[in-house]
PDB file of N, CA and C in Angstrom:
ATOM      1  N   UNK A   1       0.498  -1.171   0.014  1.00  0.00           N
ATOM      2  CA  UNK A   1       0.115   0.159  -0.061  1.00  0.00           C
ATOM      3  C   UNK A   1       0.996   1.077   0.311  1.00  0.00           C
ATOM      4  N   UNK A   2       0.633   2.092  -0.937  1.00  0.00           N
ATOM      5  CA  UNK A   2       1.488   3.594  -1.143  1.00  0.00           C
ATOM      6  C   UNK A   2       0.930   4.345  -0.627  1.00  0.00           C
ATOM      7  N   UNK A   3       1.268   5.176   0.459  1.00  0.00           N
ATOM      8  CA  UNK A   3       0.778   6.686   0.829  1.00  0.00           C
ATOM      9  C   UNK A   3       1.515   7.907   0.173  1.00  0.00           C
ATOM     10  N   UNK A   4       1.161   9.020   1.099  1.00  0.00           N
ATOM     11  CA  UNK A   4       2.252   9.936   0.536  1.00  0.00           C
ATOM     12  C   UNK A   4       3.526   9.725   1.285  1.00  0.00           C
ATOM     13  N   UNK A   5       3.807   9.724   2.260  1.00  0.00           N
ATOM     14  CA  UNK A   5       5.331   9.962   3.319  1.00  0.00           C
ATOM     15  C   UNK A   5       5.154   7.900   3.193  1.00  0.00           C
ATOM     16  N   UNK A   6       4.437   6.684   3.351  1.00  0.00           N
ATOM     17  CA  UNK A   6       4.627   5.694   3.862  1.00  0.00           C
ATOM     18  C   UNK A   6       4.319   4.618   2.963  1.00  0.00           C
ATOM     19  N   UNK A   7       5.004   3.628   2.935  1.00  0.00           N
ATOM     20  CA  UNK A   7       4.664   1.789   1.874  1.00  0.00           C
ATOM     21  C   UNK A   7       4.544   1.142   3.080  1.00  0.00           C
ATOM     22  N   UNK A   8       3.355   0.660   2.992  1.00  0.00           N
ATOM     23  CA  UNK A   8       3.336  -0.699   4.119  1.00  0.00           C
ATOM     24  C   UNK A   8       3.275  -1.768   2.295  1.00  0.00           C
ATOM     25  N   UNK A   9       3.960  -3.097   3.196  1.00  0.00           N
ATOM     26  CA  UNK A   9       4.307  -4.236   2.016  1.00  0.00           C
ATOM     27  C   UNK A   9       3.756  -5.340   3.225  1.00  0.00           C
ATOM     28  N   UNK A  10       2.973  -6.156   2.145  1.00  0.00           N
ATOM     29  CA  UNK A  10       2.109  -7.041   3.013  1.00  0.00           C
ATOM     30  C   UNK A  10       2.233  -8.104   2.535  1.00  0.00           C
ATOM     31  N   UNK A  11       2.609  -9.195   2.773  1.00  0.00           N
ATOM     32  CA  UNK A  11       2.911 -10.849   2.767  1.00  0.00           C
ATOM     33  C   UNK A  11       1.279 -11.362   2.307  1.00  0.00           C
ATOM     34  N   UNK A  12       0.749 -11.692   1.330  1.00  0.00           N
ATOM     35  CA  UNK A  12      -0.885 -12.116   0.591  1.00  0.00           C
ATOM     36  C   UNK A  12      -1.096 -13.762   1.236  1.00  0.00           C
ATOM     37  N   UNK A  13       0.413 -14.342   1.352  1.00  0.00           N
ATOM     38  CA  UNK A  13      -0.184 -15.355   1.827  1.00  0.00           C
ATOM     39  C   UNK A  13      -0.191 -15.890   2.961  1.00  0.00           C
ATOM     40  N   UNK A  14       0.397 -14.762   3.988  1.00  0.00           N
ATOM     41  CA  UNK A  14       0.319 -14.720   5.666  1.00  0.00           C
ATOM     42  C   UNK A  14      -0.137 -13.867   6.106  1.00  0.00           C
ATOM     43  N   UNK A  15      -0.621 -12.982   5.337  1.00  0.00           N
ATOM     44  CA  UNK A  15      -1.636 -12.251   5.466  1.00  0.00           C
ATOM     45  C   UNK A  15      -0.794 -11.625   6.886  1.00  0.00           C
ATOM     46  N   UNK A  16       0.560 -10.608   6.581  1.00  0.00           N
ATOM     47  CA  UNK A  16       1.783  -9.915   7.645  1.00  0.00           C
ATOM     48  C   UNK A  16       1.782  -8.919   7.354  1.00  0.00           C
ATOM     49  N   UNK A  17       2.284  -7.785   7.947  1.00  0.00           N
ATOM     50  CA  UNK A  17       2.765  -7.107   7.352  1.00  0.00           C
ATOM     51  C   UNK A  17       4.505  -7.515   7.629  1.00  0.00           C
ATOM     52  N   UNK A  18       5.140  -7.115   6.190  1.00  0.00           N
ATOM     53  CA  UNK A  18       6.441  -7.650   5.809  1.00  0.00           C
ATOM     54  C   UNK A  18       7.519  -6.152   6.483  1.00  0.00           C
ATOM     55  N   UNK A  19       7.323  -4.886   6.060  1.00  0.00           N
ATOM     56  CA  UNK A  19       8.161  -3.668   6.052  1.00  0.00           C
ATOM     57  C   UNK A  19       7.333  -2.800   6.114  1.00  0.00           C
ATOM     58  N   UNK A  20       7.686  -1.733   6.600  1.00  0.00           N
ATOM     59  CA  UNK A  20       6.922  -0.416   6.844  1.00  0.00           C
ATOM     60  C   UNK A  20       8.082   0.894   6.097  1.00  0.00           C
ATOM     61  N   UNK A  21       7.833   1.214   5.252  1.00  0.00           N
ATOM     62  CA  UNK A  21       8.843   2.171   5.065  1.00  0.00           C
ATOM     63  C   UNK A  21       8.482   3.511   4.831  1.00  0.00           C
ATOM     64  N   UNK A  22       9.523   4.524   5.293  1.00  0.00           N
ATOM     65  CA  UNK A  22       9.341   5.795   5.297  1.00  0.00           C
ATOM     66  C   UNK A  22      10.064   6.450   4.120  1.00  0.00           C
ATOM     67  N   UNK A  23       8.739   7.507   2.784  1.00  0.00           N
ATOM     68  CA  UNK A  23       9.674   8.014   1.963  1.00  0.00           C
ATOM     69  C   UNK A  23       9.412   8.964   1.279  1.00  0.00           C
ATOM     70  N   UNK A  24      10.047  10.064   0.698  1.00  0.00           N
ATOM     71  CA  UNK A  24       9.840  11.076   0.533  1.00  0.00           C
ATOM     72  C   UNK A  24       8.444  11.361  -0.115  1.00  0.00           C
ATOM     73  N   UNK A  25       7.955  12.633   0.079  1.00  0.00           N
ATOM     74  CA  UNK A  25       6.399  12.882  -0.540  1.00  0.00           C
ATOM     75  C   UNK A  25       5.948  12.754  -1.870  1.00  0.00           C
ATOM     76  N   UNK A  26       5.159  11.350  -1.748  1.00  0.00           N
ATOM     77  CA  UNK A  26       4.944  10.743  -3.081  1.00  0.00           C
ATOM     78  C   UNK A  26       3.376  10.682  -3.282  1.00  0.00           C
ATOM     79  N   UNK A  27       3.177  12.404  -3.445  1.00  0.00           N
ATOM     80  CA  UNK A  27       1.659  12.093  -3.504  1.00  0.00           C
ATOM     81  C   UNK A  27       0.995  11.229  -4.932  1.00  0.00           C
ATOM     82  N   UNK A  28       2.296  11.182  -6.467  1.00  0.00           N
ATOM     83  CA  UNK A  28       1.347   9.954  -7.502  1.00  0.00           C
ATOM     84  C   UNK A  28       1.895   8.483  -7.082  1.00  0.00           C
ATOM     85  N   UNK A  29       2.213   8.177  -6.042  1.00  0.00           N
ATOM     86  CA  UNK A  29       2.383   6.692  -5.722  1.00  0.00           C
ATOM     87  C   UNK A  29       3.405   6.042  -6.387  1.00  0.00           C
ATOM     88  N   UNK A  30       4.889   6.379  -6.916  1.00  0.00           N
ATOM     89  CA  UNK A  30       5.583   6.529  -7.575  1.00  0.00           C
ATOM     90  C   UNK A  30       6.176   4.909  -7.224  1.00  0.00           C
ATOM     91  N   UNK A  31       6.106   3.949  -7.676  1.00  0.00           N
ATOM     92  CA  UNK A  31       6.976   2.936  -7.066  1.00  0.00           C
ATOM     93  C   UNK A  31       7.275   1.638  -8.514  1.00  0.00           C
ATOM     94  N   UNK A  32       7.868   0.659  -7.621  1.00  0.00           N
ATOM     95  CA  UNK A  32       8.142  -0.079  -9.219  1.00  0.00           C
ATOM     96  C   UNK A  32       8.615  -1.597  -8.686  1.00  0.00           C
ATOM     97  N   UNK A  33       7.840  -2.688  -8.718  1.00  0.00           N
ATOM     98  CA  UNK A  33       8.168  -3.716  -8.978  1.00  0.00           C
ATOM     99  C   UNK A  33       8.620  -4.914  -9.770  1.00  0.00           C
ATOM    100  N   UNK A  34       9.656  -5.765  -9.968  1.00  0.00           N
ATOM    101  CA  UNK A  34       9.756  -6.825 -10.950  1.00  0.00           C
ATOM    102  C   UNK A  34       8.751  -7.761 -11.137  1.00  0.00           C
ATOM    103  N   UNK A  35       8.950  -8.491 -12.021  1.00  0.00           N
ATOM    104  CA  UNK A  35       7.707  -9.575 -12.288  1.00  0.00           C
ATOM    105  C   UNK A  35       8.148 -10.619 -11.793  1.00  0.00           C
ATOM    106  N   UNK A  36       9.457 -11.345 -11.552  1.00  0.00           N
ATOM    107  CA  UNK A  36       9.835 -12.496 -11.439  1.00  0.00           C
ATOM    108  C   UNK A  36       9.584 -13.509  -9.992  1.00  0.00           C
ATOM    109  N   UNK A  37       9.029 -14.776 -10.474  1.00  0.00           N
ATOM    110  CA  UNK A  37       8.913 -15.053  -9.738  1.00  0.00           C
ATOM    111  C   UNK A  37      10.049 -16.048  -8.436  1.00  0.00           C
ATOM    112  N   UNK A  38      11.249 -15.786  -9.008  1.00  0.00           N
ATOM    113  CA  UNK A  38      12.628 -16.293  -8.205  1.00  0.00           C
ATOM    114  C   UNK A  38      13.319 -15.025  -7.539  1.00  0.00           C
ATOM    115  N   UNK A  39      12.944 -13.744  -7.778  1.00  0.00           N
ATOM    116  CA  UNK A  39      13.492 -12.649  -7.530  1.00  0.00           C
ATOM    117  C   UNK A  39      12.849 -11.333  -7.144  1.00  0.00           C
ATOM    118  N   UNK A  40      12.472 -10.956  -5.481  1.00  0.00           N
ATOM    119  CA  UNK A  40      11.111  -9.956  -5.530  1.00  0.00           C
ATOM    120  C   UNK A  40      11.813  -8.937  -4.781  1.00  0.00           C
ATOM    121  N   UNK A  41      11.913  -7.773  -6.044  1.00  0.00           N
ATOM    122  CA  UNK A  41      12.726  -6.319  -5.732  1.00  0.00           C
ATOM    123  C   UNK A  41      11.407  -5.452  -5.618  1.00  0.00           C
ATOM    124  N   UNK A  42      11.637  -4.423  -4.865  1.00  0.00           N
ATOM    125  CA  UNK A  42      10.497  -3.346  -4.543  1.00  0.00           C
ATOM    126  C   UNK A  42      11.687  -1.858  -4.742  1.00  0.00           C
ATOM    127  N   UNK A  43      11.338  -0.968  -5.728  1.00  0.00           N
ATOM    128  CA  UNK A  43      12.052   0.243  -5.483  1.00  0.00           C
ATOM    129  C   UNK A  43      10.884   1.821  -5.574  1.00  0.00           C
ATOM    130  N   UNK A  44      11.255   2.364  -4.703  1.00  0.00           N
ATOM    131  CA  UNK A  44      10.905   3.430  -4.179  1.00  0.00           C
ATOM    132  C   UNK A  44      11.469   4.635  -3.794  1.00  0.00           C
ATOM    133  N   UNK A  45      10.373   5.768  -3.784  1.00  0.00           N
ATOM    134  CA  UNK A  45      11.474   7.094  -3.286  1.00  0.00           C
ATOM    135  C   UNK A  45      11.844   7.211  -1.658  1.00  0.00           C
ATOM    136  N   UNK A  46      12.769   7.230  -1.554  1.00  0.00           N
ATOM    137  CA  UNK A  46      13.639   7.267  -0.252  1.00  0.00           C
ATOM    138  C   UNK A  46      13.421   8.816   0.167  1.00  0.00           C
ATOM    139  N   UNK A  47      13.976   8.728   1.629  1.00  0.00           N
ATOM    140  CA  UNK A  47      14.020  10.625   2.181  1.00  0.00           C
ATOM    141  C   UNK A  47      15.154  11.085   1.113  1.00  0.00           C
ATOM    142  N   UNK A  48      14.302  12.335   0.916  1.00  0.00           N
ATOM    143  CA  UNK A  48      15.221  13.278   0.167  1.00  0.00           C
ATOM    144  C   UNK A  48      14.930  12.948  -0.790  1.00  0.00           C
ATOM    145  N   UNK A  49      15.067  14.166  -1.719  1.00  0.00           N
ATOM    146  CA  UNK A  49      15.287  14.587  -3.359  1.00  0.00           C
ATOM    147  C   UNK A  49      16.094  14.112  -4.156  1.00  0.00           C
ATOM    148  N   UNK A  50      15.402  12.680  -5.178  1.00  0.00           N
ATOM    149  CA  UNK A  50      16.425  12.216  -5.851  1.00  0.00           C
ATOM    150  C   UNK A  50      17.048  10.524  -5.288  1.00  0.00           C
ATOM    151  N   UNK A  51      16.422  10.927  -3.611  1.00  0.00           N
ATOM    152  CA  UNK A  51      17.109   9.310  -3.629  1.00  0.00           C
ATOM    153  C   UNK A  51      15.990   7.834  -3.824  1.00  0.00           C
ATOM    154  N   UNK A  52      16.765   7.187  -3.917  1.00  0.00           N
ATOM    155  CA  UNK A  52      15.695   5.500  -4.520  1.00  0.00           C
ATOM    156  C   UNK A  52      16.250   4.643  -3.258  1.00  0.00           C
ATOM    157  N   UNK A  53      15.197   3.789  -2.608  1.00  0.00           N
ATOM    158  CA  UNK A  53      15.473   2.666  -2.138  1.00  0.00           C
ATOM    159  C   UNK A  53      15.288   1.232  -2.761  1.00  0.00           C
ATOM    160  N   UNK A  54      16.060   0.314  -2.575  1.00  0.00           N
ATOM    161  CA  UNK A  54      16.098  -0.964  -3.558  1.00  0.00           C
ATOM    162  C   UNK A  54      16.025  -1.785  -2.797  1.00  0.00           C
ATOM    163  N   UNK A  55      14.947  -2.617  -2.419  1.00  0.00           N
ATOM    164  CA  UNK A  55      14.620  -3.341  -1.303  1.00  0.00           C
ATOM    165  C   UNK A  55      14.547  -4.905  -1.716  1.00  0.00           C
ATOM    166  N   UNK A  56      15.358  -6.127  -1.610  1.00  0.00           N
ATOM    167  CA  UNK A  56      15.473  -7.238  -2.162  1.00  0.00           C
ATOM    168  C   UNK A  56      14.737  -8.395  -0.949  1.00  0.00           C
ATOM    169  N   UNK A  57      13.325  -8.685  -1.593  1.00  0.00           N
ATOM    170  CA  UNK A  57      12.762  -9.238  -0.143  1.00  0.00           C
ATOM    171  C   UNK A  57      13.307 -11.102  -0.264  1.00  0.00           C
ATOM    172  N   UNK A  58      13.426 -11.079  -1.445  1.00  0.00           N
ATOM    173  CA  UNK A  58      14.001 -12.570  -1.362  1.00  0.00           C
ATOM    174  C   UNK A  58      15.440 -12.630  -0.258  1.00  0.00           C
ATOM    175  N   UNK A  59      16.017 -11.672  -0.411  1.00  0.00           N
ATOM    176  CA  UNK A  59      17.565 -11.952   0.434  1.00  0.00           C
ATOM    177  C   UNK A  59      17.355 -10.730   1.683  1.00  0.00           C
ATOM    178  N   UNK A  60      16.168 -11.553   2.362  1.00  0.00           N
ATOM    179  CA  UNK A  60      15.711 -10.741   3.871  1.00  0.00           C
ATOM    180  C   UNK A  60      15.870  -9.296   3.837  1.00  0.00           C
ATOM    181  N   UNK A  61      14.999  -8.529   3.219  1.00  0.00           N
ATOM    182  CA  UNK A  61      14.808  -7.580   2.816  1.00  0.00           C
ATOM    183  C   UNK A  61      16.482  -6.329   3.241  1.00  0.00           C
ATOM    184  N   UNK A  62      16.788  -6.949   2.300  1.00  0.00           N
ATOM    185  CA  UNK A  62      18.217  -6.341   1.894  1.00  0.00           C
ATOM    186  C   UNK A  62      17.861  -5.211   1.098  1.00  0.00           C
ATOM    187  N   UNK A  63      18.346  -3.689   1.714  1.00  0.00           N
ATOM    188  CA  UNK A  63      18.286  -2.606   1.059  1.00  0.00           C
ATOM    189  C   UNK A  63      19.883  -1.832   0.808  1.00  0.00           C
ATOM    190  N   UNK A  64      18.875  -1.135  -0.505  1.00  0.00           N
ATOM    191  CA  UNK A  64      20.064  -0.434  -1.021  1.00  0.00           C
ATOM    192  C   UNK A  64      19.625   1.011  -1.344  1.00  0.00           C
ATOM    193  N   UNK A  65      20.113   2.066  -0.969  1.00  0.00           N
ATOM    194  CA  UNK A  65      19.802   3.474  -1.290  1.00  0.00           C
ATOM    195  C   UNK A  65      20.942   3.583  -2.144  1.00  0.00           C
ATOM    196  N   UNK A  66      20.176   4.430  -3.281  1.00  0.00           N
ATOM    197  CA  UNK A  66      21.120   4.951  -4.292  1.00  0.00           C
ATOM    198  C   UNK A  66      20.534   6.326  -4.417  1.00  0.00           C
ATOM    199  N   UNK A  67      21.541   7.509  -4.623  1.00  0.00           N
ATOM    200  CA  UNK A  67      21.461   8.281  -4.566  1.00  0.00           C
ATOM    201  C   UNK A  67      21.373   9.157  -6.429  1.00  0.00           C
ATOM    202  N   UNK A  68      19.712   8.826  -7.100  1.00  0.00           N
ATOM    203  CA  UNK A  68      19.879   8.758  -8.805  1.00  0.00           C
ATOM    204  C   UNK A  68      20.041  10.216  -8.886  1.00  0.00           C
ATOM    205  N   UNK A  69      19.208  11.201  -8.719  1.00  0.00           N
ATOM    206  CA  UNK A  69      19.410  12.675  -9.529  1.00  0.00           C
ATOM    207  C   UNK A  69      19.184  13.339  -8.406  1.00  0.00           C
ATOM    208  N   UNK A  70      20.005  14.545  -9.077  1.00  0.00           N
ATOM    209  CA  UNK A  70      20.006  16.234  -7.334  1.00  0.00           C
ATOM    210  C   UNK A  70      18.320  16.355  -7.549  1.00  0.00           C
ATOM    211  N   UNK A  71      17.287  16.533  -8.684  1.00  0.00           N
ATOM    212  CA  UNK A  71      16.131  16.859  -8.608  1.00  0.00           C
ATOM    213  C   UNK A  71      14.988  15.600  -8.217  1.00  0.00           C
ATOM    214  N   UNK A  72      13.811  15.605  -7.695  1.00  0.00           N
ATOM    215  CA  UNK A  72      12.654  14.877  -7.664  1.00  0.00           C
ATOM    216  C   UNK A  72      12.631  13.828  -8.668  1.00  0.00           C
ATOM    217  N   UNK A  73      12.662  12.812  -8.215  1.00  0.00           N
ATOM    218  CA  UNK A  73      12.441  11.499  -9.106  1.00  0.00           C
ATOM    219  C   UNK A  73      10.873  11.550  -9.584  1.00  0.00           C
ATOM    220  N   UNK A  74      10.344  11.520 -11.252  1.00  0.00           N
ATOM    221  CA  UNK A  74       9.428  11.212 -11.482  1.00  0.00           C
ATOM    222  C   UNK A  74       8.984   9.939 -12.204  1.00  0.00           C
ATOM    223  N   UNK A  75       9.907   9.000 -12.009  1.00  0.00           N
ATOM    224  CA  UNK A  75       9.647   7.632 -12.576  1.00  0.00           C
ATOM    225  C   UNK A  75      10.730   6.517 -12.142  1.00  0.00           C
ATOM    226  N   UNK A  76      10.268   5.513 -11.859  1.00  0.00           N
ATOM    227  CA  UNK A  76      11.078   4.031 -11.263  1.00  0.00           C
ATOM    228  C   UNK A  76      10.468   3.044 -12.723  1.00  0.00           C
ATOM    229  N   UNK A  77      11.562   2.419 -12.860  1.00  0.00           N
ATOM    230  CA  UNK A  77      11.159   0.855 -13.628  1.00  0.00           C
ATOM    231  C   UNK A  77      12.304  -0.054 -13.149  1.00  0.00           C
ATOM    232  N   UNK A  78      11.243  -1.485 -13.036  1.00  0.00           N
ATOM    233  CA  UNK A  78      12.532  -2.446 -13.038  1.00  0.00           C
ATOM    234  C   UNK A  78      12.352  -3.774 -14.044  1.00  0.00           C
ATOM    235  N   UNK A  79      13.432  -3.926 -14.255  1.00  0.00           N
ATOM    236  CA  UNK A  79      13.452  -4.872 -15.655  1.00  0.00           C
ATOM    237  C   UNK A  79      12.552  -6.384 -15.200  1.00  0.00           C
ATOM    238  N   UNK A  80      12.199  -7.495 -15.927  1.00  0.00           N
ATOM    239  CA  UNK A  80      11.509  -8.514 -15.295  1.00  0.00           C
ATOM    240  C   UNK A  80      12.336  -9.073 -13.876  1.00  0.00           C
ATOM    241  N   UNK A  81      13.748  -8.998 -14.130  1.00  0.00           N
ATOM    242  CA  UNK A  81      14.324  -9.554 -13.159  1.00  0.00           C
ATOM    243  C   UNK A  81      14.472  -9.296 -12.252  1.00  0.00           C
ATOM    244  N   UNK A  82      14.517  -7.871 -11.631  1.00  0.00           N
ATOM    245  CA  UNK A  82      14.278  -7.148 -10.807  1.00  0.00           C
ATOM    246  C   UNK A  82      16.425  -6.709 -10.680  1.00  0.00           C
ATOM    247  N   UNK A  83      17.062  -6.614 -12.117  1.00  0.00           N
ATOM    248  CA  UNK A  83      18.677  -6.756 -11.993  1.00  0.00           C
ATOM    249  C   UNK A  83      18.753  -5.030 -12.261  1.00  0.00           C
ATOM    250  N   UNK A  84      18.031  -4.257 -13.035  1.00  0.00           N
ATOM    251  CA  UNK A  84      18.447  -2.955 -13.414  1.00  0.00           C
ATOM    252  C   UNK A  84      17.409  -2.373 -12.970  1.00  0.00           C
ATOM    253  N   UNK A  85      17.366  -0.538 -12.606  1.00  0.00           N
ATOM    254  CA  UNK A  85      16.591  -0.275 -12.353  1.00  0.00           C
ATOM    255  C   UNK A  85      16.859   1.165 -13.237  1.00  0.00           C
ATOM    256  N   UNK A  86      15.819   2.252 -13.599  1.00  0.00           N
ATOM    257  CA  UNK A  86      16.033   3.019 -14.513  1.00  0.00           C
ATOM    258  C   UNK A  86      15.045   3.992 -13.535  1.00  0.00           C
ATOM    259  N   UNK A  87      15.603   4.867 -13.681  1.00  0.00           N
ATOM    260  CA  UNK A  87      14.979   6.373 -13.024  1.00  0.00           C
ATOM    261  C   UNK A  87      15.306   7.582 -14.151  1.00  0.00           C
ATOM    262  N   UNK A  88      14.119   8.271 -14.007  1.00  0.00           N
ATOM    263  CA  UNK A  88      14.334   9.818 -14.790  1.00  0.00           C
ATOM    264  C   UNK A  88      13.665  10.827 -13.202  1.00  0.00           C
ATOM    265  N   UNK A  89      14.569  11.919 -13.726  1.00  0.00           N
ATOM    266  CA  UNK A  89      13.883  13.187 -12.836  1.00  0.00           C
ATOM    267  C   UNK A  89      12.930  14.104 -13.134  1.00  0.00           C
ATOM    268  N   UNK A  90      12.600  14.763 -12.454  1.00  0.00           N
ATOM    269  CA  UNK A  90      11.190  15.963 -12.796  1.00  0.00           C
ATOM    270  C   UNK A  90      11.297  16.612 -14.170  1.00  0.00           C
ATOM    271  N   UNK A  91      12.346  16.806 -14.359  1.00  0.00           N
ATOM    272  CA  UNK A  91      13.444  17.938 -15.336  1.00  0.00           C
ATOM    273  C   UNK A  91      13.046  16.665 -16.647  1.00  0.00           C
ATOM    274  N   UNK A  92      12.847  15.706 -16.547  1.00  0.00           N
ATOM    275  CA  UNK A  92      13.319  14.839 -17.892  1.00  0.00           C
ATOM    276  C   UNK A  92      13.933  14.806 -19.121  1.00  0.00           C
ATOM    277  N   UNK A  93      15.021  15.068 -18.702  1.00  0.00           N
ATOM    278  CA  UNK A  93      15.983  15.312 -19.578  1.00  0.00           C
ATOM    279  C   UNK A  93      17.120  14.181 -19.481  1.00  0.00           C
ATOM    280  N   UNK A  94      17.315  13.332 -18.431  1.00  0.00           N
ATOM    281  CA  UNK A  94      18.694  12.385 -18.438  1.00  0.00           C
ATOM    282  C   UNK A  94      17.362  10.824 -17.529  1.00  0.00           C
ATOM    283  N   UNK A  95      17.500  10.619 -17.818  1.00  0.00           N
ATOM    284  CA  UNK A  95      17.564   8.818 -17.613  1.00  0.00           C
ATOM    285  C   UNK A  95      18.573   7.977 -17.229  1.00  0.00           C
ATOM    286  N   UNK A  96      18.685   7.524 -15.839  1.00  0.00           N
ATOM    287  CA  UNK A  96      19.789   6.394 -15.754  1.00  0.00           C
ATOM    288  C   UNK A  96      18.996   5.522 -15.260  1.00  0.00           C
ATOM    289  N   UNK A  97      20.353   4.014 -15.473  1.00  0.00           N
ATOM    290  CA  UNK A  97      20.255   2.703 -15.163  1.00  0.00           C
ATOM    291  C   UNK A  97      20.903   2.453 -14.496  1.00  0.00           C
ATOM    292  N   UNK A  98      20.779   1.650 -13.618  1.00  0.00           N
ATOM    293  CA  UNK A  98      21.338   1.202 -12.208  1.00  0.00           C
ATOM    294  C   UNK A  98      21.415  -0.228 -12.006  1.00  0.00           C
ATOM    295  N   UNK A  99      22.415  -0.680 -11.322  1.00  0.00           N
ATOM    296  CA  UNK A  99      22.349  -2.200 -10.788  1.00  0.00           C
ATOM    297  C   UNK A  99      21.911  -2.086  -9.781  1.00  0.00           C
ATOM    298  N   UNK A 100      20.383  -3.036  -9.551  1.00  0.00           N
ATOM    299  CA  UNK A 100      20.070  -3.506  -8.082  1.00  0.00           C
ATOM    300  C   UNK A 100      20.797  -4.305  -7.507  1.00  0.00           C
ATOM    301  N   UNK A 101      22.120  -4.844  -7.656  1.00  0.00           N
ATOM    302  CA  UNK A 101      22.713  -5.630  -7.055  1.00  0.00           C
ATOM    303  C   UNK A 101      23.812  -4.447  -5.760  1.00  0.00           C
ATOM    304  N   UNK A 102      23.966  -3.404  -7.376  1.00  0.00           N
ATOM    305  CA  UNK A 102      25.467  -2.871  -6.428  1.00  0.00           C
ATOM    306  C   UNK A 102      24.976  -1.294  -5.965  1.00  0.00           C
ATOM    307  N   UNK A 103      23.773  -0.658  -7.095  1.00  0.00           N
ATOM    308  CA  UNK A 103      23.967   0.286  -6.526  1.00  0.00           C
ATOM    309  C   UNK A 103      24.713   1.041  -8.129  1.00  0.00           C
ATOM    310  N   UNK A 104      25.546   0.937  -8.483  1.00  0.00           N
ATOM    311  CA  UNK A 104      25.766   1.494  -9.517  1.00  0.00           C
ATOM    312  C   UNK A 104      25.758   2.006 -10.863  1.00  0.00           C
ATOM    313  N   UNK A 105      26.084   3.248 -11.108  1.00  0.00           N
ATOM    314  CA  UNK A 105      24.975   3.404 -12.362  1.00  0.00           C
ATOM    315  C   UNK A 105      25.812   2.706 -13.681  1.00  0.00           C
ATOM    316  N   UNK A 106      24.936   1.987 -14.860  1.00  0.00           N
ATOM    317  CA  UNK A 106      25.182   1.485 -15.677  1.00  0.00           C
ATOM    318  C   UNK A 106      25.282   2.694 -16.952  1.00  0.00           C
ATOM    319  N   UNK A 107      24.357   3.255 -16.982  1.00  0.00           N
ATOM    320  CA  UNK A 107      24.139   3.947 -18.004  1.00  0.00           C
ATOM    321  C   UNK A 107      23.614   4.617 -18.171  1.00  0.00           C
ATOM    322  N   UNK A 108      23.647   6.432 -18.629  1.00  0.00           N
ATOM    323  CA  UNK A 108      22.636   7.567 -18.321  1.00  0.00           C
ATOM    324  C   UNK A 108      22.392   7.821 -19.935  1.00  0.00           C
ATOM    325  N   UNK A 109      21.453   8.400 -19.984  1.00  0.00           N
ATOM    326  CA  UNK A 109      20.837   8.426 -20.778  1.00  0.00           C
ATOM    327  C   UNK A 109      19.821   9.599 -21.431  1.00  0.00           C
ATOM    328  N   UNK A 110      20.326  10.856 -22.388  1.00  0.00           N
ATOM    329  CA  UNK A 110      19.737  12.265 -22.194  1.00  0.00           C
ATOM    330  C   UNK A 110      18.959  12.836 -23.301  1.00  0.00           C
ATOM    331  N   UNK A 111      18.035  13.356 -23.293  1.00  0.00           N
ATOM    332  CA  UNK A 111      16.696  13.720 -24.143  1.00  0.00           C
ATOM    333  C   UNK A 111      18.058  14.622 -25.344  1.00  0.00           C
ATOM    334  N   UNK A 112      17.660  14.280 -26.423  1.00  0.00           N
ATOM    335  CA  UNK A 112      18.393  15.098 -27.577  1.00  0.00           C
ATOM    336  C   UNK A 112      19.590  15.012 -28.170  1.00  0.00           C
ATOM    337  N   UNK A 113      19.702  13.750 -27.309  1.00  0.00           N
ATOM    338  CA  UNK A 113      21.180  13.808 -27.957  1.00  0.00           C
ATOM    339  C   UNK A 113      21.134  11.757 -28.612  1.00  0.00           C
ATOM    340  N   UNK A 114      22.110  11.202 -29.556  1.00  0.00           N
ATOM    341  CA  UNK A 114      22.112  10.174 -30.172  1.00  0.00           C
ATOM    342  C   UNK A 114      22.290   9.236 -29.218  1.00  0.00           C
TER     343      UNK A 114
END
């Protein structure tokens, strides 16, 4: 469940609260989850502009914080396996791709360049 400044993650098999996260203001409900049944990854806004938290639920809720942009995040996306995270800022000029394992930036794409 995504609220303005909190996220609650529930396990539907046991109907228990798995994790409660405090986020930056998130009135648009920006969040990303992967679709793989082998790896469960969640990406959400962290406290502070431009910061993202990546939580690996298949690895005992291991959390990685990524300083993705200077300005506010406008979009997050994970690939199917949950190994890559794409982020975009509110300015919309740069999309950055990060490894969800290490947090390292893999690629940067700029609007208006080849």
